[in-house]
Amino acid sequence: MKFLPILALASVPATAAFGINRPVTSRPTASTLGMSSNDDAARSPNPAIKIAAAGMSLLKPLFKAEAVVQAKVLGAAGGVDPAAVAGELAAAKKANKVLIYTYGLSPFSTEALAMLDASGYEYSKIELGLEWFLLGGEGSETRMALSKEVESGATSLPKIFIGGECVGGCSELAALVESGDLDEKMKNARVQKKRP
């Protein structure tokens, strides 16, 4: 599944491919994700993405080692202060009842965004970059800070926070959707529904 973002880069202009903070101009919809447009089907996670997200845990040690090196090299080269990045993360968690950190080309991030959109609840999104291998110093340090928010130490994105607590990534969000616990978490965090 990690090859999909690389293939997607071929269709992106070079200036857009390496722009970390480019605006997001479109949102995935149920129809573009191959899901039915009725509410019940749109709330169900894509089974293929769900299985792939769960399977990514097998590569966690490799991704963790890569993320540490990337953050040290790029963070140092960019003069990024890890303590400042951790402070920004803490502030973002406090300021947003629901917050998701994503990669722009990640199918797992796209699926998590689709599930959040289908839930109807308000949320905020921070895109670190197009993919992990395109992150600069600050994005790499943020990725490391995010890995400390989960017990497993996973460096993958997305990372989803509800009420300041990291609930995990795509597969954990899918489990909350399937069990019906997402609504309860959102209500406990006093998250508002989006206005039509």
C-alpha atoms as a PDB file:
ATOM      1  CA  MET A   1       0.000   0.000   0.000  1.00  0.00           C
ATOM      2  CA  LYS A   2       2.965   2.365   0.502  1.00  0.00           C
ATOM      3  CA  PHE A   3       3.613   2.313  -3.264  1.00  0.00           C
ATOM      4  CA  LEU A   4       0.287   4.026  -4.028  1.00  0.00           C
ATOM      5  CA  PRO A   5       1.555   7.463  -2.865  1.00  0.00           C
ATOM      6  CA  ILE A   6       4.674   7.110  -5.025  1.00  0.00           C
ATOM      7  CA  LEU A   7       2.561   6.376  -8.087  1.00  0.00           C
ATOM      8  CA  ALA A   8       0.290   9.303  -7.273  1.00  0.00           C
ATOM      9  CA  LEU A   9       3.286  11.666  -7.341  1.00  0.00           C
ATOM     10  CA  ALA A  10       3.676  11.064 -11.071  1.00  0.00           C
ATOM     11  CA  SER A  11       0.461  12.999 -11.704  1.00  0.00           C
ATOM     12  CA  VAL A  12       1.276  15.899  -9.359  1.00  0.00           C
ATOM     13  CA  PRO A  13       3.208  18.947 -10.610  1.00  0.00           C
ATOM     14  CA  ALA A  14       6.677  19.180  -9.026  1.00  0.00           C
ATOM     15  CA  THR A  15       5.874  22.454  -7.278  1.00  0.00           C
ATOM     16  CA  ALA A  16       2.813  20.922  -5.638  1.00  0.00           C
ATOM     17  CA  ALA A  17       4.480  17.591  -4.849  1.00  0.00           C
ATOM     18  CA  PHE A  18       7.044  19.174  -2.566  1.00  0.00           C
ATOM     19  CA  GLY A  19       4.868  21.900  -1.026  1.00  0.00           C
ATOM     20  CA  ILE A  20       4.285  20.927   2.578  1.00  0.00           C
ATOM     21  CA  ASN A  21       1.591  23.461   3.459  1.00  0.00           C
ATOM     22  CA  ARG A  22      -0.380  23.569   0.248  1.00  0.00           C
ATOM     23  CA  PRO A  23      -4.132  24.111   0.665  1.00  0.00           C
ATOM     24  CA  VAL A  24      -6.431  21.125   0.420  1.00  0.00           C
ATOM     25  CA  THR A  25      -8.911  21.802  -2.361  1.00  0.00           C
ATOM     26  CA  SER A  26     -11.118  18.743  -2.242  1.00  0.00           C
ATOM     27  CA  ARG A  27     -12.457  16.276   0.261  1.00  0.00           C
ATOM     28  CA  PRO A  28     -12.927  12.583  -0.392  1.00  0.00           C
ATOM     29  CA  THR A  29     -16.546  11.613  -0.819  1.00  0.00           C
ATOM     30  CA  ALA A  30     -18.300   8.316  -0.425  1.00  0.00           C
ATOM     31  CA  SER A  31     -18.528   7.900  -4.195  1.00  0.00           C
ATOM     32  CA  THR A  32     -14.818   8.632  -4.845  1.00  0.00           C
ATOM     33  CA  LEU A  33     -13.872   6.099  -2.196  1.00  0.00           C
ATOM     34  CA  GLY A  34     -16.053   3.392  -3.733  1.00  0.00           C
ATOM     35  CA  MET A  35     -18.576   3.489  -0.910  1.00  0.00           C
ATOM     36  CA  SER A  36     -22.325   3.752  -1.111  1.00  0.00           C
ATOM     37  CA  SER A  37     -23.823   7.181  -0.531  1.00  0.00           C
ATOM     38  CA  ASN A  38     -26.319   6.008   2.090  1.00  0.00           C
ATOM     39  CA  ASP A  39     -25.337   6.856   5.670  1.00  0.00           C
ATOM     40  CA  ASP A  40     -24.987   3.294   6.969  1.00  0.00           C
ATOM     41  CA  ALA A  41     -22.577   2.218   4.225  1.00  0.00           C
ATOM     42  CA  ALA A  42     -20.653   5.505   4.301  1.00  0.00           C
ATOM     43  CA  ARG A  43     -19.974   5.010   8.017  1.00  0.00           C
ATOM     44  CA  SER A  44     -18.431   1.569   7.482  1.00  0.00           C
ATOM     45  CA  PRO A  45     -14.662   1.490   6.965  1.00  0.00           C
ATOM     46  CA  ASN A  46     -13.250   0.287   3.661  1.00  0.00           C
ATOM     47  CA  PRO A  47     -12.351  -3.370   4.393  1.00  0.00           C
ATOM     48  CA  ALA A  48      -9.221  -3.386   2.208  1.00  0.00           C
ATOM     49  CA  ILE A  49      -7.799  -0.245   3.820  1.00  0.00           C
ATOM     50  CA  LYS A  50      -8.743  -1.540   7.261  1.00  0.00           C
ATOM     51  CA  ILE A  51      -6.822  -4.804   6.715  1.00  0.00           C
ATOM     52  CA  ALA A  52      -3.827  -2.981   5.210  1.00  0.00           C
ATOM     53  CA  ALA A  53      -3.764  -0.514   8.141  1.00  0.00           C
ATOM     54  CA  ALA A  54      -3.748  -3.364  10.632  1.00  0.00           C
ATOM     55  CA  GLY A  55      -1.004  -5.122   8.652  1.00  0.00           C
ATOM     56  CA  MET A  56       1.246  -2.052   8.730  1.00  0.00           C
ATOM     57  CA  SER A  57       1.999  -2.868  12.381  1.00  0.00           C
ATOM     58  CA  LEU A  58       4.348  -5.592  11.110  1.00  0.00           C
ATOM     59  CA  LEU A  59       6.593  -2.894   9.644  1.00  0.00           C
ATOM     60  CA  LYS A  60       6.509  -0.713  12.777  1.00  0.00           C
ATOM     61  CA  PRO A  61      10.133  -1.390  13.880  1.00  0.00           C
ATOM     62  CA  LEU A  62      11.477  -0.468  10.450  1.00  0.00           C
ATOM     63  CA  PHE A  63       9.389   2.715  10.249  1.00  0.00           C
ATOM     64  CA  LYS A  64      10.359   3.672  13.810  1.00  0.00           C
ATOM     65  CA  ALA A  65      14.093   3.379  13.049  1.00  0.00           C
ATOM     66  CA  GLU A  66      13.660   5.390   9.850  1.00  0.00           C
ATOM     67  CA  ALA A  67      11.624   8.086  11.646  1.00  0.00           C
ATOM     68  CA  VAL A  68      14.260   8.529  14.378  1.00  0.00           C
ATOM     69  CA  VAL A  69      17.048   9.005  11.823  1.00  0.00           C
ATOM     70  CA  GLN A  70      14.910  11.293   9.662  1.00  0.00           C
ATOM     71  CA  ALA A  71      13.969  13.512  12.630  1.00  0.00           C
ATOM     72  CA  LYS A  72      17.549  13.725  13.883  1.00  0.00           C
ATOM     73  CA  VAL A  73      19.030  14.581  10.492  1.00  0.00           C
ATOM     74  CA  LEU A  74      16.326  16.882   9.120  1.00  0.00           C
ATOM     75  CA  GLY A  75      15.440  18.372  12.502  1.00  0.00           C
ATOM     76  CA  ALA A  76      19.081  19.266  13.173  1.00  0.00           C
ATOM     77  CA  ALA A  77      19.589  20.585   9.642  1.00  0.00           C
ATOM     78  CA  GLY A  78      16.505  22.794  10.013  1.00  0.00           C
ATOM     79  CA  GLY A  79      17.323  23.908  13.551  1.00  0.00           C
ATOM     80  CA  VAL A  80      14.029  22.492  14.841  1.00  0.00           C
ATOM     81  CA  ASP A  81      13.582  22.419  18.614  1.00  0.00           C
ATOM     82  CA  PRO A  82      11.852  19.130  19.629  1.00  0.00           C
ATOM     83  CA  ALA A  83      10.554  20.770  22.834  1.00  0.00           C
ATOM     84  CA  ALA A  84       8.897  23.539  20.797  1.00  0.00           C
ATOM     85  CA  VAL A  85       7.307  20.932  18.512  1.00  0.00           C
ATOM     86  CA  ALA A  86       5.984  19.041  21.555  1.00  0.00           C
ATOM     87  CA  GLY A  87       4.562  22.321  22.874  1.00  0.00           C
ATOM     88  CA  GLU A  88       2.812  23.013  19.563  1.00  0.00           C
ATOM     89  CA  LEU A  89       1.329  19.508  19.622  1.00  0.00           C
ATOM     90  CA  ALA A  90       0.060  19.998  23.183  1.00  0.00           C
ATOM     91  CA  ALA A  91      -1.496  23.350  22.218  1.00  0.00           C
ATOM     92  CA  ALA A  92      -3.163  21.863  19.117  1.00  0.00           C
ATOM     93  CA  LYS A  93      -4.652  18.991  21.177  1.00  0.00           C
ATOM     94  CA  LYS A  94      -6.027  21.473  23.691  1.00  0.00           C
ATOM     95  CA  ALA A  95      -7.447  23.842  21.058  1.00  0.00           C
ATOM     96  CA  ASN A  96      -9.270  21.156  19.014  1.00  0.00           C
ATOM     97  CA  LYS A  97     -11.865  18.718  20.313  1.00  0.00           C
ATOM     98  CA  VAL A  98     -11.148  16.425  17.358  1.00  0.00           C
ATOM     99  CA  LEU A  99      -7.832  16.664  15.569  1.00  0.00           C
ATOM    100  CA  ILE A 100      -6.299  14.494  12.864  1.00  0.00           C
ATOM    101  CA  TYR A 101      -2.711  14.601  11.624  1.00  0.00           C
ATOM    102  CA  THR A 102      -2.401  13.283   8.077  1.00  0.00           C
ATOM    103  CA  TYR A 103      -0.277  12.779   4.982  1.00  0.00           C
ATOM    104  CA  GLY A 104      -1.867  14.142   1.815  1.00  0.00           C
ATOM    105  CA  LEU A 105      -1.254  11.050  -0.335  1.00  0.00           C
ATOM    106  CA  SER A 106      -1.818   8.377   2.298  1.00  0.00           C
ATOM    107  CA  PRO A 107      -4.741   6.027   1.617  1.00  0.00           C
ATOM    108  CA  PHE A 108      -4.972   5.472   5.386  1.00  0.00           C
ATOM    109  CA  SER A 109      -5.306   9.210   6.020  1.00  0.00           C
ATOM    110  CA  THR A 110      -7.879   9.481   3.227  1.00  0.00           C
ATOM    111  CA  GLU A 111      -9.907   6.632   4.716  1.00  0.00           C
ATOM    112  CA  ALA A 112      -9.772   8.134   8.230  1.00  0.00           C
ATOM    113  CA  LEU A 113     -10.898  11.513   6.852  1.00  0.00           C
ATOM    114  CA  ALA A 114     -13.784   9.797   5.037  1.00  0.00           C
ATOM    115  CA  MET A 115     -14.869   8.099   8.276  1.00  0.00           C
ATOM    116  CA  LEU A 116     -14.711  11.400  10.173  1.00  0.00           C
ATOM    117  CA  ASP A 117     -16.623  13.173   7.390  1.00  0.00           C
ATOM    118  CA  ALA A 118     -19.287  10.454   7.449  1.00  0.00           C
ATOM    119  CA  SER A 119     -19.630  10.773  11.224  1.00  0.00           C
ATOM    120  CA  GLY A 120     -20.908  14.318  10.782  1.00  0.00           C
ATOM    121  CA  TYR A 121     -18.797  15.683  13.652  1.00  0.00           C
ATOM    122  CA  GLU A 122     -16.578  18.754  13.423  1.00  0.00           C
ATOM    123  CA  TYR A 123     -12.840  18.140  13.325  1.00  0.00           C
ATOM    124  CA  SER A 124      -9.591  19.899  12.472  1.00  0.00           C
ATOM    125  CA  LYS A 125      -6.935  18.523  10.141  1.00  0.00           C
ATOM    126  CA  ILE A 126      -3.202  19.147  10.077  1.00  0.00           C
ATOM    127  CA  GLU A 127      -1.379  17.771   7.057  1.00  0.00           C
ATOM    128  CA  LEU A 128       2.306  17.195   7.852  1.00  0.00           C
ATOM    129  CA  GLY A 129       3.203  16.697   4.196  1.00  0.00           C
ATOM    130  CA  LEU A 130       2.331  14.589   1.203  1.00  0.00           C
ATOM    131  CA  GLU A 131       4.043  11.479   2.631  1.00  0.00           C
ATOM    132  CA  TRP A 132       6.643  10.518   5.228  1.00  0.00           C
ATOM    133  CA  PHE A 133       9.552  10.644   2.783  1.00  0.00           C
ATOM    134  CA  LEU A 134       8.689  14.245   1.809  1.00  0.00           C
ATOM    135  CA  LEU A 135       8.716  15.698   5.333  1.00  0.00           C
ATOM    136  CA  GLY A 136      11.048  18.515   6.287  1.00  0.00           C
ATOM    137  CA  GLY A 137      12.629  19.035   9.692  1.00  0.00           C
ATOM    138  CA  GLU A 138       9.536  20.262  11.523  1.00  0.00           C
ATOM    139  CA  GLY A 139       7.284  17.595  10.006  1.00  0.00           C
ATOM    140  CA  SER A 140       9.789  14.884  10.921  1.00  0.00           C
ATOM    141  CA  GLU A 141      10.011  16.111  14.518  1.00  0.00           C
ATOM    142  CA  THR A 142       6.209  16.343  14.713  1.00  0.00           C
ATOM    143  CA  ARG A 143       5.962  12.756  13.478  1.00  0.00           C
ATOM    144  CA  MET A 144       8.265  11.677  16.333  1.00  0.00           C
ATOM    145  CA  ALA A 145       6.254  13.681  18.874  1.00  0.00           C
ATOM    146  CA  LEU A 146       3.063  12.021  17.609  1.00  0.00           C
ATOM    147  CA  SER A 147       4.613   8.565  18.016  1.00  0.00           C
ATOM    148  CA  LYS A 148       4.951   9.275  21.752  1.00  0.00           C
ATOM    149  CA  GLU A 149       1.174   9.740  21.962  1.00  0.00           C
ATOM    150  CA  VAL A 150       0.433   6.063  21.355  1.00  0.00           C
ATOM    151  CA  GLU A 151       1.461   3.129  23.528  1.00  0.00           C
ATOM    152  CA  SER A 152       2.819   1.221  20.538  1.00  0.00           C
ATOM    153  CA  GLY A 153       5.100   4.100  19.498  1.00  0.00           C
ATOM    154  CA  ALA A 154       3.864   3.807  15.899  1.00  0.00           C
ATOM    155  CA  THR A 155       5.201   6.562  13.644  1.00  0.00           C
ATOM    156  CA  SER A 156       2.532   6.081  10.971  1.00  0.00           C
ATOM    157  CA  LEU A 157      -0.207   8.580  10.216  1.00  0.00           C
ATOM    158  CA  PRO A 158      -2.979   9.381  10.612  1.00  0.00           C
ATOM    159  CA  LYS A 159      -3.069  10.114  14.319  1.00  0.00           C
ATOM    160  CA  ILE A 160      -6.509  11.044  15.628  1.00  0.00           C
ATOM    161  CA  PHE A 161      -7.203  12.886  18.871  1.00  0.00           C
ATOM    162  CA  ILE A 162     -10.629  13.096  20.483  1.00  0.00           C
ATOM    163  CA  GLY A 163     -10.931  15.264  23.581  1.00  0.00           C
ATOM    164  CA  GLY A 164      -7.123  15.569  23.715  1.00  0.00           C
ATOM    165  CA  GLU A 165      -6.629  11.779  23.819  1.00  0.00           C
ATOM    166  CA  CYS A 166      -4.973   9.957  20.941  1.00  0.00           C
ATOM    167  CA  VAL A 167      -7.299   7.162  19.868  1.00  0.00           C
ATOM    168  CA  GLY A 168      -4.733   5.870  17.359  1.00  0.00           C
ATOM    169  CA  GLY A 169      -4.814   5.738  13.590  1.00  0.00           C
ATOM    170  CA  CYS A 170      -6.993   4.437  10.784  1.00  0.00           C
ATOM    171  CA  SER A 171      -7.503   0.904  12.100  1.00  0.00           C
ATOM    172  CA  GLU A 172      -8.358   2.136  15.615  1.00  0.00           C
ATOM    173  CA  LEU A 173     -10.824   4.682  14.206  1.00  0.00           C
ATOM    174  CA  ALA A 174     -12.368   1.916  12.077  1.00  0.00           C
ATOM    175  CA  ALA A 175     -12.814  -0.206  15.220  1.00  0.00           C
ATOM    176  CA  LEU A 176     -14.552   2.708  16.983  1.00  0.00           C
ATOM    177  CA  VAL A 177     -16.867   3.184  13.990  1.00  0.00           C
ATOM    178  CA  GLU A 178     -17.722  -0.524  13.735  1.00  0.00           C
ATOM    179  CA  SER A 179     -18.367  -0.945  17.455  1.00  0.00           C
ATOM    180  CA  GLY A 180     -20.500   2.190  17.635  1.00  0.00           C
ATOM    181  CA  ASP A 181     -18.179   3.680  20.271  1.00  0.00           C
ATOM    182  CA  LEU A 182     -17.200   6.671  18.121  1.00  0.00           C
ATOM    183  CA  ASP A 183     -20.460   8.492  18.852  1.00  0.00           C
ATOM    184  CA  GLU A 184     -20.018   7.936  22.584  1.00  0.00           C
ATOM    185  CA  LYS A 185     -16.430   9.267  22.477  1.00  0.00           C
ATOM    186  CA  MET A 186     -17.533  12.306  20.500  1.00  0.00           C
ATOM    187  CA  LYS A 187     -20.407  13.036  22.877  1.00  0.00           C
ATOM    188  CA  ASN A 188     -18.163  12.626  25.945  1.00  0.00           C
ATOM    189  CA  ALA A 189     -15.742  15.138  24.420  1.00  0.00           C
ATOM    190  CA  ARG A 190     -18.668  17.478  23.648  1.00  0.00           C
ATOM    191  CA  VAL A 191     -17.894  17.536  19.936  1.00  0.00           C
ATOM    192  CA  GLN A 192     -20.468  19.392  17.833  1.00  0.00           C
ATOM    193  CA  LYS A 193     -22.040  18.046  14.667  1.00  0.00           C
ATOM    194  CA  LYS A 194     -21.262  19.956  11.461  1.00  0.00           C
ATOM    195  CA  ARG A 195     -23.934  22.338  10.293  1.00  0.00           C
ATOM    196  CA  PRO A 196     -25.412  21.472   6.871  1.00  0.00           C
END
